[in-house]
């Protein structure tokens, strides 16, 4: 009954059919998928994918070249 089910069903089923190492990995993949579909105007960054995989906000800032 969802209005856009037919349009996205195959893609969502493929996404959810993938094997993820953790719930966090599934969450990242889902957020990226939604971001692409809605045409998010900003760049989407994932901290664990930055150099050194920073684990604090301060370290993320440093990895992005902050002062």
PDB file of N, CA and C in Angstrom:
ATOM      1  N   UNK A   1       0.804  -1.194   0.000  1.00  0.00           N
ATOM      2  CA  UNK A   1       0.000   0.000   0.000  1.00  0.00           C
ATOM      3  C   UNK A   1       0.858   1.273   0.000  1.00  0.00           C
ATOM      4  N   UNK A   2       2.174   1.130   0.180  1.00  0.00           N
ATOM      5  CA  UNK A   2       3.046   2.300   0.181  1.00  0.00           C
ATOM      6  C   UNK A   2       3.052   2.910  -1.214  1.00  0.00           C
ATOM      7  N   UNK A   3       2.950   4.236  -1.326  1.00  0.00           N
ATOM      8  CA  UNK A   3       2.800   4.867  -2.634  1.00  0.00           C
ATOM      9  C   UNK A   3       3.979   4.651  -3.592  1.00  0.00           C
ATOM     10  N   UNK A   4       5.201   4.460  -3.096  1.00  0.00           N
ATOM     11  CA  UNK A   4       6.344   4.300  -3.983  1.00  0.00           C
ATOM     12  C   UNK A   4       6.963   2.910  -3.888  1.00  0.00           C
ATOM     13  N   UNK A   5       6.211   1.974  -3.357  1.00  0.00           N
ATOM     14  CA  UNK A   5       6.723   0.620  -3.179  1.00  0.00           C
ATOM     15  C   UNK A   5       7.221   0.028  -4.491  1.00  0.00           C
ATOM     16  N   UNK A   6       6.419   0.076  -5.500  1.00  0.00           N
ATOM     17  CA  UNK A   6       6.775  -0.518  -6.791  1.00  0.00           C
ATOM     18  C   UNK A   6       8.066   0.083  -7.353  1.00  0.00           C
ATOM     19  N   UNK A   7       8.232   1.379  -7.176  1.00  0.00           N
ATOM     20  CA  UNK A   7       9.400   2.069  -7.730  1.00  0.00           C
ATOM     21  C   UNK A   7      10.699   1.628  -7.047  1.00  0.00           C
ATOM     22  N   UNK A   8      10.663   1.399  -5.739  1.00  0.00           N
ATOM     23  CA  UNK A   8      11.891   1.142  -4.988  1.00  0.00           C
ATOM     24  C   UNK A   8      12.023  -0.273  -4.445  1.00  0.00           C
ATOM     25  N   UNK A   9      11.022  -1.098  -4.572  1.00  0.00           N
ATOM     26  CA  UNK A   9      11.020  -2.431  -3.955  1.00  0.00           C
ATOM     27  C   UNK A   9      12.244  -3.260  -4.333  1.00  0.00           C
ATOM     28  N   UNK A  10      12.556  -3.317  -5.600  1.00  0.00           N
ATOM     29  CA  UNK A  10      13.677  -4.146  -6.048  1.00  0.00           C
ATOM     30  C   UNK A  10      15.001  -3.662  -5.445  1.00  0.00           C
ATOM     31  N   UNK A  11      15.208  -2.339  -5.423  1.00  0.00           N
ATOM     32  CA  UNK A  11      16.446  -1.788  -4.860  1.00  0.00           C
ATOM     33  C   UNK A  11      16.528  -2.040  -3.358  1.00  0.00           C
ATOM     34  N   UNK A  12      15.426  -1.859  -2.665  1.00  0.00           N
ATOM     35  CA  UNK A  12      15.422  -2.067  -1.207  1.00  0.00           C
ATOM     36  C   UNK A  12      15.655  -3.539  -0.881  1.00  0.00           C
ATOM     37  N   UNK A  13      15.025  -4.419  -1.626  1.00  0.00           N
ATOM     38  CA  UNK A  13      15.229  -5.850  -1.398  1.00  0.00           C
ATOM     39  C   UNK A  13      16.678  -6.237  -1.645  1.00  0.00           C
ATOM     40  N   UNK A  14      17.306  -5.655  -2.682  1.00  0.00           N
ATOM     41  CA  UNK A  14      18.715  -5.928  -2.958  1.00  0.00           C
ATOM     42  C   UNK A  14      19.596  -5.417  -1.823  1.00  0.00           C
ATOM     43  N   UNK A  15      19.309  -4.210  -1.343  1.00  0.00           N
ATOM     44  CA  UNK A  15      20.082  -3.630  -0.242  1.00  0.00           C
ATOM     45  C   UNK A  15      19.967  -4.502   1.005  1.00  0.00           C
ATOM     46  N   UNK A  16      18.759  -4.871   1.348  1.00  0.00           N
ATOM     47  CA  UNK A  16      18.548  -5.669   2.552  1.00  0.00           C
ATOM     48  C   UNK A  16      18.990  -7.121   2.387  1.00  0.00           C
ATOM     49  N   UNK A  17      19.208  -7.546   1.154  1.00  0.00           N
ATOM     50  CA  UNK A  17      19.683  -8.894   0.902  1.00  0.00           C
ATOM     51  C   UNK A  17      21.193  -9.025   1.023  1.00  0.00           C
ATOM     52  N   UNK A  18      21.881  -7.881   1.139  1.00  0.00           N
ATOM     53  CA  UNK A  18      23.336  -7.904   1.296  1.00  0.00           C
ATOM     54  C   UNK A  18      23.700  -8.363   2.703  1.00  0.00           C
ATOM     55  N   UNK A  19      24.921  -8.824   2.839  1.00  0.00           N
ATOM     56  CA  UNK A  19      25.424  -9.241   4.137  1.00  0.00           C
ATOM     57  C   UNK A  19      26.225  -8.093   4.739  1.00  0.00           C
ATOM     58  N   UNK A  20      25.876  -7.683   5.950  1.00  0.00           N
ATOM     59  CA  UNK A  20      26.559  -6.582   6.620  1.00  0.00           C
ATOM     60  C   UNK A  20      27.258  -7.105   7.857  1.00  0.00           C
ATOM     61  N   UNK A  21      28.408  -6.513   8.166  1.00  0.00           N
ATOM     62  CA  UNK A  21      29.197  -6.955   9.308  1.00  0.00           C
ATOM     63  C   UNK A  21      28.604  -6.513  10.637  1.00  0.00           C
ATOM     64  N   UNK A  22      27.750  -5.501  10.586  1.00  0.00           N
ATOM     65  CA  UNK A  22      27.161  -4.986  11.825  1.00  0.00           C
ATOM     66  C   UNK A  22      25.904  -4.188  11.499  1.00  0.00           C
ATOM     67  N   UNK A  23      25.163  -3.872  12.536  1.00  0.00           N
ATOM     68  CA  UNK A  23      23.992  -3.025  12.372  1.00  0.00           C
ATOM     69  C   UNK A  23      24.421  -1.635  11.903  1.00  0.00           C
ATOM     70  N   UNK A  24      25.573  -1.182  12.369  1.00  0.00           N
ATOM     71  CA  UNK A  24      26.102   0.119  11.945  1.00  0.00           C
ATOM     72  C   UNK A  24      26.362   0.147  10.441  1.00  0.00           C
ATOM     73  N   UNK A  25      26.914  -0.928   9.909  1.00  0.00           N
ATOM     74  CA  UNK A  25      27.197  -1.002   8.470  1.00  0.00           C
ATOM     75  C   UNK A  25      25.902  -0.971   7.663  1.00  0.00           C
ATOM     76  N   UNK A  26      24.875  -1.654   8.152  1.00  0.00           N
ATOM     77  CA  UNK A  26      23.561  -1.618   7.501  1.00  0.00           C
ATOM     78  C   UNK A  26      22.993  -0.201   7.546  1.00  0.00           C
ATOM     79  N   UNK A  27      23.144   0.461   8.684  1.00  0.00           N
ATOM     80  CA  UNK A  27      22.643   1.828   8.840  1.00  0.00           C
ATOM     81  C   UNK A  27      23.330   2.769   7.863  1.00  0.00           C
ATOM     82  N   UNK A  28      24.654   2.670   7.747  1.00  0.00           N
ATOM     83  CA  UNK A  28      25.405   3.523   6.821  1.00  0.00           C
ATOM     84  C   UNK A  28      24.936   3.273   5.391  1.00  0.00           C
ATOM     85  N   UNK A  29      24.794   2.018   5.000  1.00  0.00           N
ATOM     86  CA  UNK A  29      24.357   1.690   3.638  1.00  0.00           C
ATOM     87  C   UNK A  29      22.955   2.231   3.365  1.00  0.00           C
ATOM     88  N   UNK A  30      22.084   2.123   4.351  1.00  0.00           N
ATOM     89  CA  UNK A  30      20.713   2.613   4.191  1.00  0.00           C
ATOM     90  C   UNK A  30      20.674   4.126   4.081  1.00  0.00           C
ATOM     91  N   UNK A  31      21.433   4.809   4.923  1.00  0.00           N
ATOM     92  CA  UNK A  31      21.474   6.279   4.868  1.00  0.00           C
ATOM     93  C   UNK A  31      22.046   6.736   3.528  1.00  0.00           C
ATOM     94  N   UNK A  32      23.103   6.085   3.047  1.00  0.00           N
ATOM     95  CA  UNK A  32      23.672   6.441   1.738  1.00  0.00           C
ATOM     96  C   UNK A  32      22.638   6.229   0.627  1.00  0.00           C
ATOM     97  N   UNK A  33      21.905   5.133   0.684  1.00  0.00           N
ATOM     98  CA  UNK A  33      20.898   4.840  -0.336  1.00  0.00           C
ATOM     99  C   UNK A  33      19.830   5.922  -0.346  1.00  0.00           C
ATOM    100  N   UNK A  34      19.316   6.271   0.817  1.00  0.00           N
ATOM    101  CA  UNK A  34      18.278   7.305   0.911  1.00  0.00           C
ATOM    102  C   UNK A  34      18.830   8.642   0.441  1.00  0.00           C
ATOM    103  N   UNK A  35      20.041   8.978   0.843  1.00  0.00           N
ATOM    104  CA  UNK A  35      20.669  10.244   0.457  1.00  0.00           C
ATOM    105  C   UNK A  35      20.749  10.365  -1.067  1.00  0.00           C
ATOM    106  N   UNK A  36      21.125   9.277  -1.726  1.00  0.00           N
ATOM    107  CA  UNK A  36      21.193   9.283  -3.194  1.00  0.00           C
ATOM    108  C   UNK A  36      19.811   9.461  -3.818  1.00  0.00           C
ATOM    109  N   UNK A  37      18.808   8.761  -3.277  1.00  0.00           N
ATOM    110  CA  UNK A  37      17.468   8.820  -3.862  1.00  0.00           C
ATOM    111  C   UNK A  37      16.807  10.175  -3.700  1.00  0.00           C
ATOM    112  N   UNK A  38      17.039  10.853  -2.587  1.00  0.00           N
ATOM    113  CA  UNK A  38      16.411  12.154  -2.382  1.00  0.00           C
ATOM    114  C   UNK A  38      17.239  13.287  -2.959  1.00  0.00           C
ATOM    115  N   UNK A  39      18.400  12.940  -3.522  1.00  0.00           N
ATOM    116  CA  UNK A  39      19.245  13.959  -4.130  1.00  0.00           C
ATOM    117  C   UNK A  39      19.820  14.918  -3.099  1.00  0.00           C
ATOM    118  N   UNK A  40      20.297  14.347  -1.997  1.00  0.00           N
ATOM    119  CA  UNK A  40      20.875  15.171  -0.936  1.00  0.00           C
ATOM    120  C   UNK A  40      21.894  16.145  -1.497  1.00  0.00           C
ATOM    121  N   UNK A  41      21.743  17.433  -1.199  1.00  0.00           N
ATOM    122  CA  UNK A  41      22.618  18.450  -1.778  1.00  0.00           C
ATOM    123  C   UNK A  41      23.994  18.514  -1.137  1.00  0.00           C
ATOM    124  N   UNK A  42      24.178  17.850  -0.018  1.00  0.00           N
ATOM    125  CA  UNK A  42      25.466  17.916   0.670  1.00  0.00           C
ATOM    126  C   UNK A  42      26.248  16.626   0.462  1.00  0.00           C
ATOM    127  N   UNK A  43      27.540  16.715   0.761  1.00  0.00           N
ATOM    128  CA  UNK A  43      28.376  15.529   0.687  1.00  0.00           C
ATOM    129  C   UNK A  43      28.156  14.713   1.954  1.00  0.00           C
ATOM    130  N   UNK A  44      28.034  13.432   1.810  1.00  0.00           N
ATOM    131  CA  UNK A  44      27.812  12.550   2.945  1.00  0.00           C
ATOM    132  C   UNK A  44      29.142  11.896   3.304  1.00  0.00           C
ATOM    133  N   UNK A  45      29.606  12.148   4.520  1.00  0.00           N
ATOM    134  CA  UNK A  45      30.862  11.574   4.984  1.00  0.00           C
ATOM    135  C   UNK A  45      30.588  10.593   6.115  1.00  0.00           C
ATOM    136  N   UNK A  46      31.353   9.516   6.123  1.00  0.00           N
ATOM    137  CA  UNK A  46      31.254   8.524   7.191  1.00  0.00           C
ATOM    138  C   UNK A  46      32.588   8.526   7.914  1.00  0.00           C
ATOM    139  N   UNK A  47      32.576   8.812   9.197  1.00  0.00           N
ATOM    140  CA  UNK A  47      33.810   8.959   9.963  1.00  0.00           C
ATOM    141  C   UNK A  47      34.731   7.749   9.826  1.00  0.00           C
ATOM    142  N   UNK A  48      34.161   6.562   9.868  1.00  0.00           N
ATOM    143  CA  UNK A  48      34.996   5.358   9.789  1.00  0.00           C
ATOM    144  C   UNK A  48      35.665   5.186   8.427  1.00  0.00           C
ATOM    145  N   UNK A  49      35.227   5.941   7.430  1.00  0.00           N
ATOM    146  CA  UNK A  49      35.830   5.874   6.099  1.00  0.00           C
ATOM    147  C   UNK A  49      36.874   6.969   5.882  1.00  0.00           C
ATOM    148  N   UNK A  50      37.048   7.846   6.864  1.00  0.00           N
ATOM    149  CA  UNK A  50      38.057   8.900   6.768  1.00  0.00           C
ATOM    150  C   UNK A  50      39.421   8.316   7.111  1.00  0.00           C
ATOM    151  N   UNK A  51      40.511   8.977   6.676  1.00  0.00           N
ATOM    152  CA  UNK A  51      41.858   8.488   7.013  1.00  0.00           C
ATOM    153  C   UNK A  51      42.010   8.317   8.528  1.00  0.00           C
ATOM    154  N   UNK A  52      42.474   7.165   8.931  1.00  0.00           N
ATOM    155  CA  UNK A  52      42.682   6.889  10.338  1.00  0.00           C
ATOM    156  C   UNK A  52      41.425   6.484  11.078  1.00  0.00           C
ATOM    157  N   UNK A  53      40.292   6.439  10.407  1.00  0.00           N
ATOM    158  CA  UNK A  53      38.999   6.077  11.008  1.00  0.00           C
ATOM    159  C   UNK A  53      38.818   6.733  12.375  1.00  0.00           C
ATOM    160  N   UNK A  54      38.736   8.068  12.401  1.00  0.00           N
ATOM    161  CA  UNK A  54      38.618   8.772  13.684  1.00  0.00           C
ATOM    162  C   UNK A  54      37.383   8.336  14.467  1.00  0.00           C
ATOM    163  N   UNK A  55      37.541   8.295  15.792  1.00  0.00           N
ATOM    164  CA  UNK A  55      36.435   7.811  16.617  1.00  0.00           C
ATOM    165  C   UNK A  55      35.885   8.844  17.596  1.00  0.00           C
ATOM    166  N   UNK A  56      36.338  10.066  17.481  1.00  0.00           N
ATOM    167  CA  UNK A  56      35.763  11.152  18.282  1.00  0.00           C
ATOM    168  C   UNK A  56      35.490  12.330  17.354  1.00  0.00           C
ATOM    169  N   UNK A  57      34.616  13.209  17.788  1.00  0.00           N
ATOM    170  CA  UNK A  57      34.297  14.374  16.970  1.00  0.00           C
ATOM    171  C   UNK A  57      35.529  15.242  16.732  1.00  0.00           C
ATOM    172  N   UNK A  58      36.362  15.365  17.741  1.00  0.00           N
ATOM    173  CA  UNK A  58      37.595  16.147  17.602  1.00  0.00           C
ATOM    174  C   UNK A  58      38.511  15.534  16.537  1.00  0.00           C
ATOM    175  N   UNK A  59      38.632  14.224  16.547  1.00  0.00           N
ATOM    176  CA  UNK A  59      39.474  13.545  15.561  1.00  0.00           C
ATOM    177  C   UNK A  59      38.877  13.636  14.150  1.00  0.00           C
ATOM    178  N   UNK A  60      37.555  13.612  14.040  1.00  0.00           N
ATOM    179  CA  UNK A  60      36.904  13.795  12.734  1.00  0.00           C
ATOM    180  C   UNK A  60      37.250  15.174  12.208  1.00  0.00           C
ATOM    181  N   UNK A  61      37.144  16.165  13.061  1.00  0.00           N
ATOM    182  CA  UNK A  61      37.457  17.548  12.684  1.00  0.00           C
ATOM    183  C   UNK A  61      38.890  17.647  12.177  1.00  0.00           C
ATOM    184  N   UNK A  62      39.810  17.029  12.889  1.00  0.00           N
ATOM    185  CA  UNK A  62      41.230  17.027  12.486  1.00  0.00           C
ATOM    186  C   UNK A  62      41.415  16.312  11.157  1.00  0.00           C
ATOM    187  N   UNK A  63      40.737  15.185  10.958  1.00  0.00           N
ATOM    188  CA  UNK A  63      40.857  14.421   9.705  1.00  0.00           C
ATOM    189  C   UNK A  63      40.342  15.227   8.515  1.00  0.00           C
ATOM    190  N   UNK A  64      39.405  16.143   8.785  1.00  0.00           N
ATOM    191  CA  UNK A  64      38.860  16.975   7.718  1.00  0.00           C
ATOM    192  C   UNK A  64      39.650  18.280   7.534  1.00  0.00           C
ATOM    193  N   UNK A  65      40.748  18.397   8.267  1.00  0.00           N
ATOM    194  CA  UNK A  65      41.609  19.571   8.096  1.00  0.00           C
ATOM    195  C   UNK A  65      41.219  20.753   8.954  1.00  0.00           C
ATOM    196  N   UNK A  66      40.411  20.518   9.963  1.00  0.00           N
ATOM    197  CA  UNK A  66      40.028  21.607  10.862  1.00  0.00           C
ATOM    198  C   UNK A  66      41.211  22.084  11.685  1.00  0.00           C
ATOM    199  N   UNK A  67      41.088  23.256  12.224  1.00  0.00           N
ATOM    200  CA  UNK A  67      42.187  23.822  13.033  1.00  0.00           C
ATOM    201  C   UNK A  67      42.111  23.367  14.458  1.00  0.00           C
TER     202      UNK A  67
END
